[in-house]
Amino acid sequence: MNDRFFYPGLVAPEEVTITFDNLVKGQVAEQLFDWFSSVYDPVHGIFTPGFLQGAGTFKRNIKLFQLDNTGFPVKHVHLFAAYPKMWKVNDFTYGENEFHTIDVTLRYDFVTQEAGLDT
């Protein structure tokens, strides 16, 4: 009588925010913008048809590597079916170093943590 039972509820992963640094050199910024545009087309101000129909072409599997103090990867977190929810272009740093960053907030379906360098 009067026993109480507790069952686990629906587990929902939090969002993760990643800061991409030094985007002046290389094509990282262009690749990120292409991925963002696969969800929301900022030129026309609309969500892409694949996103609205749930086609899933905008989702990607992402590996985030944890580095030790020498820059060697020791672990990685694998985000499955991740997609950009928000991105913020930070202020340009003008001067000698030409340093620039973009903050990206991602949603994902599930995550695993693995040791080593499996690719």
PDB file of N, CA and C in Angstrom:
ATOM      1  N   MET A   1       0.822  -1.172   0.000  1.00  0.00           N
ATOM      2  CA  MET A   1       0.000   0.000   0.000  1.00  0.00           C
ATOM      3  C   MET A   1       0.872   1.244   0.000  1.00  0.00           C
ATOM      4  N   ASN A   2       0.386   2.201  -0.668  1.00  0.00           N
ATOM      5  CA  ASN A   2       1.058   3.490  -0.749  1.00  0.00           C
ATOM      6  C   ASN A   2       2.508   3.385  -1.222  1.00  0.00           C
ATOM      7  N   ASP A   3       2.810   2.354  -2.011  1.00  0.00           N
ATOM      8  CA  ASP A   3       4.149   2.269  -2.588  1.00  0.00           C
ATOM      9  C   ASP A   3       4.257   3.252  -3.741  1.00  0.00           C
ATOM     10  N   ARG A   4       5.425   3.842  -3.865  1.00  0.00           N
ATOM     11  CA  ARG A   4       5.661   4.790  -4.949  1.00  0.00           C
ATOM     12  C   ARG A   4       6.725   4.207  -5.864  1.00  0.00           C
ATOM     13  N   PHE A   5       6.454   4.247  -7.132  1.00  0.00           N
ATOM     14  CA  PHE A   5       7.398   3.763  -8.126  1.00  0.00           C
ATOM     15  C   PHE A   5       7.797   4.927  -9.024  1.00  0.00           C
ATOM     16  N   PHE A   6       9.075   4.970  -9.343  1.00  0.00           N
ATOM     17  CA  PHE A   6       9.578   6.018 -10.224  1.00  0.00           C
ATOM     18  C   PHE A   6      10.193   5.353 -11.446  1.00  0.00           C
ATOM     19  N   TYR A   7       9.807   5.822 -12.590  1.00  0.00           N
ATOM     20  CA  TYR A   7      10.322   5.294 -13.846  1.00  0.00           C
ATOM     21  C   TYR A   7      11.144   6.387 -14.534  1.00  0.00           C
ATOM     22  N   PRO A   8      12.188   5.982 -15.235  1.00  0.00           N
ATOM     23  CA  PRO A   8      12.963   6.998 -15.940  1.00  0.00           C
ATOM     24  C   PRO A   8      12.126   7.648 -17.033  1.00  0.00           C
ATOM     25  N   GLY A   9      12.308   8.936 -17.163  1.00  0.00           N
ATOM     26  CA  GLY A   9      11.570   9.671 -18.186  1.00  0.00           C
ATOM     27  C   GLY A   9      12.321   9.701 -19.494  1.00  0.00           C
ATOM     28  N   LEU A  10      11.817  10.451 -20.392  1.00  0.00           N
ATOM     29  CA  LEU A  10      12.429  10.614 -21.704  1.00  0.00           C
ATOM     30  C   LEU A  10      13.713  11.422 -21.557  1.00  0.00           C
ATOM     31  N   VAL A  11      14.809  10.850 -21.955  1.00  0.00           N
ATOM     32  CA  VAL A  11      16.092  11.546 -21.883  1.00  0.00           C
ATOM     33  C   VAL A  11      16.282  12.349 -23.157  1.00  0.00           C
ATOM     34  N   ALA A  12      16.599  13.618 -22.998  1.00  0.00           N
ATOM     35  CA  ALA A  12      16.811  14.490 -24.153  1.00  0.00           C
ATOM     36  C   ALA A  12      18.208  15.091 -24.059  1.00  0.00           C
ATOM     37  N   PRO A  13      19.010  14.947 -25.088  1.00  0.00           N
ATOM     38  CA  PRO A  13      20.352  15.529 -25.040  1.00  0.00           C
ATOM     39  C   PRO A  13      20.311  17.053 -25.103  1.00  0.00           C
ATOM     40  N   GLU A  14      21.259  17.660 -24.443  1.00  0.00           N
ATOM     41  CA  GLU A  14      21.386  19.112 -24.488  1.00  0.00           C
ATOM     42  C   GLU A  14      22.035  19.519 -25.806  1.00  0.00           C
ATOM     43  N   GLU A  15      22.043  20.787 -26.051  1.00  0.00           N
ATOM     44  CA  GLU A  15      22.739  21.307 -27.222  1.00  0.00           C
ATOM     45  C   GLU A  15      24.215  21.449 -26.877  1.00  0.00           C
ATOM     46  N   VAL A  16      25.045  21.478 -27.879  1.00  0.00           N
ATOM     47  CA  VAL A  16      26.470  21.702 -27.684  1.00  0.00           C
ATOM     48  C   VAL A  16      26.880  22.902 -28.537  1.00  0.00           C
ATOM     49  N   THR A  17      27.705  23.780 -27.959  1.00  0.00           N
ATOM     50  CA  THR A  17      28.207  24.935 -28.691  1.00  0.00           C
ATOM     51  C   THR A  17      29.697  24.760 -28.931  1.00  0.00           C
ATOM     52  N   ILE A  18      30.102  24.901 -30.181  1.00  0.00           N
ATOM     53  CA  ILE A  18      31.494  24.735 -30.586  1.00  0.00           C
ATOM     54  C   ILE A  18      31.966  26.054 -31.178  1.00  0.00           C
ATOM     55  N   THR A  19      33.165  26.479 -30.794  1.00  0.00           N
ATOM     56  CA  THR A  19      33.771  27.672 -31.366  1.00  0.00           C
ATOM     57  C   THR A  19      34.837  27.246 -32.351  1.00  0.00           C
ATOM     58  N   PHE A  20      34.658  27.628 -33.601  1.00  0.00           N
ATOM     59  CA  PHE A  20      35.643  27.366 -34.639  1.00  0.00           C
ATOM     60  C   PHE A  20      36.550  28.590 -34.725  1.00  0.00           C
ATOM     61  N   ASP A  21      37.860  28.355 -34.564  1.00  0.00           N
ATOM     62  CA  ASP A  21      38.826  29.445 -34.530  1.00  0.00           C
ATOM     63  C   ASP A  21      39.584  29.559 -35.837  1.00  0.00           C
ATOM     64  N   ASN A  22      40.107  30.764 -36.060  1.00  0.00           N
ATOM     65  CA  ASN A  22      41.016  31.056 -37.159  1.00  0.00           C
ATOM     66  C   ASN A  22      40.454  30.619 -38.512  1.00  0.00           C
ATOM     67  N   LEU A  23      39.324  31.184 -38.870  1.00  0.00           N
ATOM     68  CA  LEU A  23      38.639  30.800 -40.104  1.00  0.00           C
ATOM     69  C   LEU A  23      39.028  31.652 -41.300  1.00  0.00           C
ATOM     70  N   VAL A  24      40.025  32.513 -41.146  1.00  0.00           N
ATOM     71  CA  VAL A  24      40.440  33.348 -42.264  1.00  0.00           C
ATOM     72  C   VAL A  24      41.137  32.505 -43.325  1.00  0.00           C
ATOM     73  N   LYS A  25      41.964  31.565 -42.878  1.00  0.00           N
ATOM     74  CA  LYS A  25      42.712  30.726 -43.807  1.00  0.00           C
ATOM     75  C   LYS A  25      41.954  29.429 -44.058  1.00  0.00           C
ATOM     76  N   GLY A  26      42.110  28.884 -45.249  1.00  0.00           N
ATOM     77  CA  GLY A  26      41.451  27.620 -45.579  1.00  0.00           C
ATOM     78  C   GLY A  26      40.020  27.818 -46.015  1.00  0.00           C
ATOM     79  N   GLN A  27      39.299  26.706 -46.159  1.00  0.00           N
ATOM     80  CA  GLN A  27      37.923  26.760 -46.637  1.00  0.00           C
ATOM     81  C   GLN A  27      36.935  26.285 -45.583  1.00  0.00           C
ATOM     82  N   VAL A  28      37.316  26.326 -44.308  1.00  0.00           N
ATOM     83  CA  VAL A  28      36.433  25.859 -43.241  1.00  0.00           C
ATOM     84  C   VAL A  28      35.176  26.714 -43.170  1.00  0.00           C
ATOM     85  N   ALA A  29      35.325  28.033 -43.253  1.00  0.00           N
ATOM     86  CA  ALA A  29      34.161  28.922 -43.168  1.00  0.00           C
ATOM     87  C   ALA A  29      33.177  28.651 -44.294  1.00  0.00           C
ATOM     88  N   GLU A  30      33.675  28.430 -45.509  1.00  0.00           N
ATOM     89  CA  GLU A  30      32.792  28.153 -46.645  1.00  0.00           C
ATOM     90  C   GLU A  30      32.050  26.831 -46.456  1.00  0.00           C
ATOM     91  N   GLN A  31      32.743  25.814 -45.940  1.00  0.00           N
ATOM     92  CA  GLN A  31      32.105  24.522 -45.705  1.00  0.00           C
ATOM     93  C   GLN A  31      31.048  24.617 -44.611  1.00  0.00           C
ATOM     94  N   LEU A  32      31.329  25.384 -43.554  1.00  0.00           N
ATOM     95  CA  LEU A  32      30.329  25.589 -42.500  1.00  0.00           C
ATOM     96  C   LEU A  32      29.108  26.322 -43.048  1.00  0.00           C
ATOM     97  N   PHE A  33      29.322  27.367 -43.843  1.00  0.00           N
ATOM     98  CA  PHE A  33      28.205  28.116 -44.405  1.00  0.00           C
ATOM     99  C   PHE A  33      27.360  27.241 -45.325  1.00  0.00           C
ATOM    100  N   ASP A  34      28.004  26.374 -46.113  1.00  0.00           N
ATOM    101  CA  ASP A  34      27.253  25.452 -46.970  1.00  0.00           C
ATOM    102  C   ASP A  34      26.384  24.521 -46.131  1.00  0.00           C
ATOM    103  N   TRP A  35      26.928  24.062 -45.001  1.00  0.00           N
ATOM    104  CA  TRP A  35      26.145  23.180 -44.127  1.00  0.00           C
ATOM    105  C   TRP A  35      24.991  23.943 -43.486  1.00  0.00           C
ATOM    106  N   PHE A  36      25.238  25.171 -43.024  1.00  0.00           N
ATOM    107  CA  PHE A  36      24.166  25.988 -42.454  1.00  0.00           C
ATOM    108  C   PHE A  36      23.068  26.221 -43.476  1.00  0.00           C
ATOM    109  N   SER A  37      23.481  26.463 -44.720  1.00  0.00           N
ATOM    110  CA  SER A  37      22.512  26.734 -45.781  1.00  0.00           C
ATOM    111  C   SER A  37      21.685  25.510 -46.141  1.00  0.00           C
ATOM    112  N   SER A  38      22.148  24.311 -45.750  1.00  0.00           N
ATOM    113  CA  SER A  38      21.344  23.113 -46.010  1.00  0.00           C
ATOM    114  C   SER A  38      20.141  23.034 -45.077  1.00  0.00           C
ATOM    115  N   VAL A  39      20.140  23.827 -44.000  1.00  0.00           N
ATOM    116  CA  VAL A  39      19.002  23.886 -43.085  1.00  0.00           C
ATOM    117  C   VAL A  39      18.167  25.133 -43.353  1.00  0.00           C
ATOM    118  N   TYR A  40      18.847  26.270 -43.428  1.00  0.00           N
ATOM    119  CA  TYR A  40      18.160  27.555 -43.608  1.00  0.00           C
ATOM    120  C   TYR A  40      18.892  28.345 -44.679  1.00  0.00           C
ATOM    121  N   ASP A  41      18.171  28.796 -45.664  1.00  0.00           N
ATOM    122  CA  ASP A  41      18.753  29.580 -46.750  1.00  0.00           C
ATOM    123  C   ASP A  41      18.672  31.058 -46.374  1.00  0.00           C
ATOM    124  N   PRO A  42      19.798  31.650 -45.934  1.00  0.00           N
ATOM    125  CA  PRO A  42      19.742  33.044 -45.486  1.00  0.00           C
ATOM    126  C   PRO A  42      19.560  34.042 -46.624  1.00  0.00           C
ATOM    127  N   VAL A  43      19.898  33.651 -47.837  1.00  0.00           N
ATOM    128  CA  VAL A  43      19.752  34.558 -48.978  1.00  0.00           C
ATOM    129  C   VAL A  43      18.277  34.805 -49.265  1.00  0.00           C
ATOM    130  N   HIS A  44      17.456  33.739 -49.222  1.00  0.00           N
ATOM    131  CA  HIS A  44      16.030  33.859 -49.514  1.00  0.00           C
ATOM    132  C   HIS A  44      15.165  33.879 -48.249  1.00  0.00           C
ATOM    133  N   GLY A  45      15.782  33.633 -47.081  1.00  0.00           N
ATOM    134  CA  GLY A  45      15.046  33.696 -45.823  1.00  0.00           C
ATOM    135  C   GLY A  45      14.046  32.570 -45.632  1.00  0.00           C
ATOM    136  N   ILE A  46      14.368  31.354 -46.117  1.00  0.00           N
ATOM    137  CA  ILE A  46      13.447  30.219 -45.981  1.00  0.00           C
ATOM    138  C   ILE A  46      14.213  28.986 -45.504  1.00  0.00           C
ATOM    139  N   PHE A  47      13.481  28.079 -44.871  1.00  0.00           N
ATOM    140  CA  PHE A  47      14.051  26.778 -44.553  1.00  0.00           C
ATOM    141  C   PHE A  47      14.102  25.960 -45.832  1.00  0.00           C
ATOM    142  N   THR A  48      15.121  25.155 -45.975  1.00  0.00           N
ATOM    143  CA  THR A  48      15.256  24.367 -47.195  1.00  0.00           C
ATOM    144  C   THR A  48      14.202  23.269 -47.230  1.00  0.00           C
ATOM    145  N   PRO A  49      13.773  22.856 -48.414  1.00  0.00           N
ATOM    146  CA  PRO A  49      12.719  21.836 -48.515  1.00  0.00           C
ATOM    147  C   PRO A  49      13.084  20.535 -47.805  1.00  0.00           C
ATOM    148  N   GLY A  50      14.344  20.111 -47.865  1.00  0.00           N
ATOM    149  CA  GLY A  50      14.743  18.874 -47.188  1.00  0.00           C
ATOM    150  C   GLY A  50      14.556  18.953 -45.692  1.00  0.00           C
ATOM    151  N   PHE A  51      14.775  20.131 -45.110  1.00  0.00           N
ATOM    152  CA  PHE A  51      14.597  20.317 -43.670  1.00  0.00           C
ATOM    153  C   PHE A  51      13.116  20.259 -43.302  1.00  0.00           C
ATOM    154  N   LEU A  52      12.267  20.935 -44.078  1.00  0.00           N
ATOM    155  CA  LEU A  52      10.840  20.979 -43.772  1.00  0.00           C
ATOM    156  C   LEU A  52      10.170  19.622 -43.958  1.00  0.00           C
ATOM    157  N   GLN A  53      10.647  18.823 -44.919  1.00  0.00           N
ATOM    158  CA  GLN A  53      10.046  17.525 -45.174  1.00  0.00           C
ATOM    159  C   GLN A  53      10.682  16.427 -44.341  1.00  0.00           C
ATOM    160  N   GLY A  54      11.681  16.784 -43.530  1.00  0.00           N
ATOM    161  CA  GLY A  54      12.330  15.781 -42.683  1.00  0.00           C
ATOM    162  C   GLY A  54      13.181  14.802 -43.457  1.00  0.00           C
ATOM    163  N   ALA A  55      13.726  15.235 -44.585  1.00  0.00           N
ATOM    164  CA  ALA A  55      14.518  14.335 -45.421  1.00  0.00           C
ATOM    165  C   ALA A  55      15.827  13.934 -44.756  1.00  0.00           C
ATOM    166  N   GLY A  56      16.330  14.760 -43.840  1.00  0.00           N
ATOM    167  CA  GLY A  56      17.523  14.403 -43.099  1.00  0.00           C
ATOM    168  C   GLY A  56      18.830  14.633 -43.826  1.00  0.00           C
ATOM    169  N   THR A  57      18.808  15.308 -44.971  1.00  0.00           N
ATOM    170  CA  THR A  57      20.051  15.538 -45.699  1.00  0.00           C
ATOM    171  C   THR A  57      20.922  16.569 -44.994  1.00  0.00           C
ATOM    172  N   PHE A  58      20.372  17.297 -44.054  1.00  0.00           N
ATOM    173  CA  PHE A  58      21.117  18.332 -43.347  1.00  0.00           C
ATOM    174  C   PHE A  58      21.849  17.781 -42.125  1.00  0.00           C
ATOM    175  N   LYS A  59      21.565  16.553 -41.723  1.00  0.00           N
ATOM    176  CA  LYS A  59      22.201  15.979 -40.533  1.00  0.00           C
ATOM    177  C   LYS A  59      23.538  15.346 -40.893  1.00  0.00           C
ATOM    178  N   ARG A  60      24.504  15.486 -39.974  1.00  0.00           N
ATOM    179  CA  ARG A  60      25.846  14.937 -40.170  1.00  0.00           C
ATOM    180  C   ARG A  60      26.296  14.243 -38.886  1.00  0.00           C
ATOM    181  N   ASN A  61      27.163  13.258 -39.035  1.00  0.00           N
ATOM    182  CA  ASN A  61      27.832  12.653 -37.887  1.00  0.00           C
ATOM    183  C   ASN A  61      29.130  13.415 -37.659  1.00  0.00           C
ATOM    184  N   ILE A  62      29.375  13.803 -36.406  1.00  0.00           N
ATOM    185  CA  ILE A  62      30.515  14.660 -36.082  1.00  0.00           C
ATOM    186  C   ILE A  62      31.321  14.014 -34.973  1.00  0.00           C
ATOM    187  N   LYS A  63      32.648  14.087 -35.102  1.00  0.00           N
ATOM    188  CA  LYS A  63      33.539  13.636 -34.039  1.00  0.00           C
ATOM    189  C   LYS A  63      34.280  14.839 -33.477  1.00  0.00           C
ATOM    190  N   LEU A  64      34.187  15.024 -32.151  1.00  0.00           N
ATOM    191  CA  LEU A  64      34.899  16.088 -31.456  1.00  0.00           C
ATOM    192  C   LEU A  64      36.036  15.441 -30.679  1.00  0.00           C
ATOM    193  N   PHE A  65      37.264  15.858 -30.946  1.00  0.00           N
ATOM    194  CA  PHE A  65      38.428  15.242 -30.339  1.00  0.00           C
ATOM    195  C   PHE A  65      38.907  16.040 -29.134  1.00  0.00           C
ATOM    196  N   GLN A  66      39.230  15.315 -28.050  1.00  0.00           N
ATOM    197  CA  GLN A  66      39.839  15.917 -26.873  1.00  0.00           C
ATOM    198  C   GLN A  66      41.351  15.740 -27.002  1.00  0.00           C
ATOM    199  N   LEU A  67      42.088  16.848 -26.893  1.00  0.00           N
ATOM    200  CA  LEU A  67      43.531  16.814 -27.077  1.00  0.00           C
ATOM    201  C   LEU A  67      44.237  16.887 -25.728  1.00  0.00           C
ATOM    202  N   ASP A  68      45.406  16.244 -25.650  1.00  0.00           N
ATOM    203  CA  ASP A  68      46.217  16.385 -24.442  1.00  0.00           C
ATOM    204  C   ASP A  68      47.075  17.648 -24.561  1.00  0.00           C
ATOM    205  N   ASN A  69      47.986  17.850 -23.603  1.00  0.00           N
ATOM    206  CA  ASN A  69      48.765  19.090 -23.587  1.00  0.00           C
ATOM    207  C   ASN A  69      49.780  19.183 -24.723  1.00  0.00           C
ATOM    208  N   THR A  70      50.016  18.101 -25.447  1.00  0.00           N
ATOM    209  CA  THR A  70      50.920  18.152 -26.600  1.00  0.00           C
ATOM    210  C   THR A  70      50.168  18.248 -27.924  1.00  0.00           C
ATOM    211  N   GLY A  71      48.821  18.288 -27.863  1.00  0.00           N
ATOM    212  CA  GLY A  71      48.020  18.370 -29.080  1.00  0.00           C
ATOM    213  C   GLY A  71      47.675  17.024 -29.669  1.00  0.00           C
ATOM    214  N   PHE A  72      47.947  15.931 -28.935  1.00  0.00           N
ATOM    215  CA  PHE A  72      47.649  14.584 -29.410  1.00  0.00           C
ATOM    216  C   PHE A  72      46.240  14.194 -28.974  1.00  0.00           C
ATOM    217  N   PRO A  73      45.389  13.690 -29.875  1.00  0.00           N
ATOM    218  CA  PRO A  73      44.022  13.298 -29.498  1.00  0.00           C
ATOM    219  C   PRO A  73      44.016  12.063 -28.604  1.00  0.00           C
ATOM    220  N   VAL A  74      43.284  12.134 -27.500  1.00  0.00           N
ATOM    221  CA  VAL A  74      43.206  11.013 -26.563  1.00  0.00           C
ATOM    222  C   VAL A  74      41.821  10.381 -26.515  1.00  0.00           C
ATOM    223  N   LYS A  75      40.778  11.157 -26.717  1.00  0.00           N
ATOM    224  CA  LYS A  75      39.397  10.660 -26.733  1.00  0.00           C
ATOM    225  C   LYS A  75      38.623  11.436 -27.778  1.00  0.00           C
ATOM    226  N   HIS A  76      37.485  10.887 -28.161  1.00  0.00           N
ATOM    227  CA  HIS A  76      36.584  11.672 -28.997  1.00  0.00           C
ATOM    228  C   HIS A  76      35.146  11.368 -28.641  1.00  0.00           C
ATOM    229  N   VAL A  77      34.325  12.378 -28.858  1.00  0.00           N
ATOM    230  CA  VAL A  77      32.888  12.267 -28.664  1.00  0.00           C
ATOM    231  C   VAL A  77      32.268  12.248 -30.048  1.00  0.00           C
ATOM    232  N   HIS A  78      31.391  11.291 -30.285  1.00  0.00           N
ATOM    233  CA  HIS A  78      30.751  11.126 -31.590  1.00  0.00           C
ATOM    234  C   HIS A  78      29.299  11.592 -31.477  1.00  0.00           C
ATOM    235  N   LEU A  79      28.966  12.685 -32.159  1.00  0.00           N
ATOM    236  CA  LEU A  79      27.591  13.190 -32.206  1.00  0.00           C
ATOM    237  C   LEU A  79      26.928  12.636 -33.455  1.00  0.00           C
ATOM    238  N   PHE A  80      25.848  11.892 -33.269  1.00  0.00           N
ATOM    239  CA  PHE A  80      25.147  11.278 -34.395  1.00  0.00           C
ATOM    240  C   PHE A  80      23.967  12.152 -34.805  1.00  0.00           C
ATOM    241  N   ALA A  81      23.794  12.303 -36.104  1.00  0.00           N
ATOM    242  CA  ALA A  81      22.685  13.068 -36.698  1.00  0.00           C
ATOM    243  C   ALA A  81      22.643  14.490 -36.144  1.00  0.00           C
ATOM    244  N   ALA A  82      23.791  15.154 -36.147  1.00  0.00           N
ATOM    245  CA  ALA A  82      23.878  16.526 -35.659  1.00  0.00           C
ATOM    246  C   ALA A  82      23.511  17.503 -36.771  1.00  0.00           C
ATOM    247  N   TYR A  83      22.906  18.597 -36.370  1.00  0.00           N
ATOM    248  CA  TYR A  83      22.590  19.654 -37.327  1.00  0.00           C
ATOM    249  C   TYR A  83      22.702  21.010 -36.630  1.00  0.00           C
ATOM    250  N   PRO A  84      23.030  22.058 -37.380  1.00  0.00           N
ATOM    251  CA  PRO A  84      23.198  23.374 -36.765  1.00  0.00           C
ATOM    252  C   PRO A  84      21.862  23.983 -36.384  1.00  0.00           C
ATOM    253  N   LYS A  85      21.769  24.446 -35.146  1.00  0.00           N
ATOM    254  CA  LYS A  85      20.572  25.126 -34.685  1.00  0.00           C
ATOM    255  C   LYS A  85      20.772  26.637 -34.703  1.00  0.00           C
ATOM    256  N   MET A  86      22.009  27.070 -34.389  1.00  0.00           N
ATOM    257  CA  MET A  86      22.307  28.489 -34.346  1.00  0.00           C
ATOM    258  C   MET A  86      23.782  28.684 -34.650  1.00  0.00           C
ATOM    259  N   TRP A  87      24.115  29.747 -35.335  1.00  0.00           N
ATOM    260  CA  TRP A  87      25.511  30.102 -35.538  1.00  0.00           C
ATOM    261  C   TRP A  87      25.648  31.603 -35.386  1.00  0.00           C
ATOM    262  N   LYS A  88      26.790  31.990 -34.877  1.00  0.00           N
ATOM    263  CA  LYS A  88      27.039  33.403 -34.600  1.00  0.00           C
ATOM    264  C   LYS A  88      28.434  33.746 -35.093  1.00  0.00           C
ATOM    265  N   VAL A  89      28.510  34.686 -35.991  1.00  0.00           N
ATOM    266  CA  VAL A  89      29.791  35.167 -36.480  1.00  0.00           C
ATOM    267  C   VAL A  89      30.278  36.222 -35.505  1.00  0.00           C
ATOM    268  N   ASN A  90      31.433  35.979 -34.898  1.00  0.00           N
ATOM    269  CA  ASN A  90      31.998  36.923 -33.939  1.00  0.00           C
ATOM    270  C   ASN A  90      32.715  38.054 -34.662  1.00  0.00           C
ATOM    271  N   ASP A  91      33.066  39.057 -33.912  1.00  0.00           N
ATOM    272  CA  ASP A  91      33.741  40.220 -34.491  1.00  0.00           C
ATOM    273  C   ASP A  91      35.072  39.828 -35.108  1.00  0.00           C
ATOM    274  N   PHE A  92      35.384  40.460 -36.204  1.00  0.00           N
ATOM    275  CA  PHE A  92      36.690  40.262 -36.818  1.00  0.00           C
ATOM    276  C   PHE A  92      37.747  40.949 -35.970  1.00  0.00           C
ATOM    277  N   THR A  93      38.885  40.308 -35.855  1.00  0.00           N
ATOM    278  CA  THR A  93      40.023  40.900 -35.170  1.00  0.00           C
ATOM    279  C   THR A  93      40.978  41.391 -36.244  1.00  0.00           C
ATOM    280  N   TYR A  94      41.054  42.679 -36.379  1.00  0.00           N
ATOM    281  CA  TYR A  94      41.931  43.248 -37.396  1.00  0.00           C
ATOM    282  C   TYR A  94      43.308  43.481 -36.795  1.00  0.00           C
ATOM    283  N   GLY A  95      44.315  43.252 -37.571  1.00  0.00           N
ATOM    284  CA  GLY A  95      45.669  43.450 -37.082  1.00  0.00           C
ATOM    285  C   GLY A  95      46.593  42.418 -37.673  1.00  0.00           C
ATOM    286  N   GLU A  96      47.635  42.105 -36.931  1.00  0.00           N
ATOM    287  CA  GLU A  96      48.639  41.198 -37.469  1.00  0.00           C
ATOM    288  C   GLU A  96      48.169  39.764 -37.569  1.00  0.00           C
ATOM    289  N   ASN A  97      47.388  39.287 -36.590  1.00  0.00           N
ATOM    290  CA  ASN A  97      47.075  37.854 -36.581  1.00  0.00           C
ATOM    291  C   ASN A  97      45.878  37.474 -37.444  1.00  0.00           C
ATOM    292  N   GLU A  98      45.013  38.417 -37.828  1.00  0.00           N
ATOM    293  CA  GLU A  98      43.858  38.115 -38.681  1.00  0.00           C
ATOM    294  C   GLU A  98      43.051  36.940 -38.127  1.00  0.00           C
ATOM    295  N   PHE A  99      42.739  36.954 -36.833  1.00  0.00           N
ATOM    296  CA  PHE A  99      42.062  35.854 -36.158  1.00  0.00           C
ATOM    297  C   PHE A  99      40.552  36.073 -36.198  1.00  0.00           C
ATOM    298  N   HIS A 100      39.789  35.025 -36.469  1.00  0.00           N
ATOM    299  CA  HIS A 100      38.341  35.140 -36.580  1.00  0.00           C
ATOM    300  C   HIS A 100      37.690  33.853 -36.080  1.00  0.00           C
ATOM    301  N   THR A 101      36.529  33.951 -35.422  1.00  0.00           N
ATOM    302  CA  THR A 101      35.845  32.768 -34.892  1.00  0.00           C
ATOM    303  C   THR A 101      34.369  32.784 -35.264  1.00  0.00           C
ATOM    304  N   ILE A 102      33.778  31.578 -35.271  1.00  0.00           N
ATOM    305  CA  ILE A 102      32.341  31.391 -35.450  1.00  0.00           C
ATOM    306  C   ILE A 102      31.873  30.426 -34.362  1.00  0.00           C
ATOM    307  N   ASP A 103      30.818  30.800 -33.623  1.00  0.00           N
ATOM    308  CA  ASP A 103      30.201  29.919 -32.629  1.00  0.00           C
ATOM    309  C   ASP A 103      29.042  29.185 -33.277  1.00  0.00           C
ATOM    310  N   VAL A 104      29.005  27.858 -33.118  1.00  0.00           N
ATOM    311  CA  VAL A 104      27.956  27.034 -33.712  1.00  0.00           C
ATOM    312  C   VAL A 104      27.282  26.231 -32.599  1.00  0.00           C
ATOM    313  N   THR A 105      25.960  26.312 -32.516  1.00  0.00           N
ATOM    314  CA  THR A 105      25.199  25.498 -31.582  1.00  0.00           C
ATOM    315  C   THR A 105      24.563  24.357 -32.360  1.00  0.00           C
ATOM    316  N   LEU A 106      24.809  23.133 -31.906  1.00  0.00           N
ATOM    317  CA  LEU A 106      24.336  21.931 -32.601  1.00  0.00           C
ATOM    318  C   LEU A 106      23.327  21.174 -31.765  1.00  0.00           C
ATOM    319  N   ARG A 107      22.362  20.582 -32.423  1.00  0.00           N
ATOM    320  CA  ARG A 107      21.453  19.591 -31.829  1.00  0.00           C
ATOM    321  C   ARG A 107      21.864  18.251 -32.395  1.00  0.00           C
ATOM    322  N   TYR A 108      21.617  17.180 -31.680  1.00  0.00           N
ATOM    323  CA  TYR A 108      21.998  15.852 -32.145  1.00  0.00           C
ATOM    324  C   TYR A 108      21.037  14.822 -31.565  1.00  0.00           C
ATOM    325  N   ASP A 109      21.000  13.638 -32.196  1.00  0.00           N
ATOM    326  CA  ASP A 109      20.092  12.585 -31.747  1.00  0.00           C
ATOM    327  C   ASP A 109      20.654  11.804 -30.565  1.00  0.00           C
ATOM    328  N   PHE A 110      21.906  11.368 -30.649  1.00  0.00           N
ATOM    329  CA  PHE A 110      22.551  10.713 -29.522  1.00  0.00           C
ATOM    330  C   PHE A 110      24.046  10.838 -29.641  1.00  0.00           C
ATOM    331  N   VAL A 111      24.742  10.492 -28.543  1.00  0.00           N
ATOM    332  CA  VAL A 111      26.181  10.717 -28.463  1.00  0.00           C
ATOM    333  C   VAL A 111      26.862   9.503 -27.838  1.00  0.00           C
ATOM    334  N   THR A 112      28.100   9.230 -28.271  1.00  0.00           N
ATOM    335  CA  THR A 112      28.934   8.221 -27.631  1.00  0.00           C
ATOM    336  C   THR A 112      30.301   8.827 -27.367  1.00  0.00           C
ATOM    337  N   GLN A 113      30.977   8.311 -26.331  1.00  0.00           N
ATOM    338  CA  GLN A 113      32.349   8.749 -26.052  1.00  0.00           C
ATOM    339  C   GLN A 113      33.253   7.551 -26.233  1.00  0.00           C
ATOM    340  N   GLU A 114      34.329   7.740 -26.970  1.00  0.00           N
ATOM    341  CA  GLU A 114      35.232   6.640 -27.280  1.00  0.00           C
ATOM    342  C   GLU A 114      36.659   7.069 -27.037  1.00  0.00           C
ATOM    343  N   ALA A 115      37.504   6.122 -26.640  1.00  0.00           N
ATOM    344  CA  ALA A 115      38.923   6.404 -26.463  1.00  0.00           C
ATOM    345  C   ALA A 115      39.659   6.034 -27.734  1.00  0.00           C
ATOM    346  N   GLY A 116      40.778   6.662 -27.965  1.00  0.00           N
ATOM    347  CA  GLY A 116      41.592   6.321 -29.123  1.00  0.00           C
ATOM    348  C   GLY A 116      41.281   7.175 -30.323  1.00  0.00           C
ATOM    349  N   LEU A 117      41.820   6.779 -31.442  1.00  0.00           N
ATOM    350  CA  LEU A 117      41.733   7.559 -32.674  1.00  0.00           C
ATOM    351  C   LEU A 117      40.918   6.869 -33.742  1.00  0.00           C
ATOM    352  N   ASP A 118      39.910   6.113 -33.397  1.00  0.00           N
ATOM    353  CA  ASP A 118      39.092   5.441 -34.407  1.00  0.00           C
ATOM    354  C   ASP A 118      38.473   6.484 -35.313  1.00  0.00           C
ATOM    355  N   THR A 119      38.518   6.247 -36.602  1.00  0.00           N
ATOM    356  CA  THR A 119      37.909   7.191 -37.537  1.00  0.00           C
ATOM    357  C   THR A 119      36.789   6.545 -38.303  1.00  0.00           C
TER     358      THR A 119
END
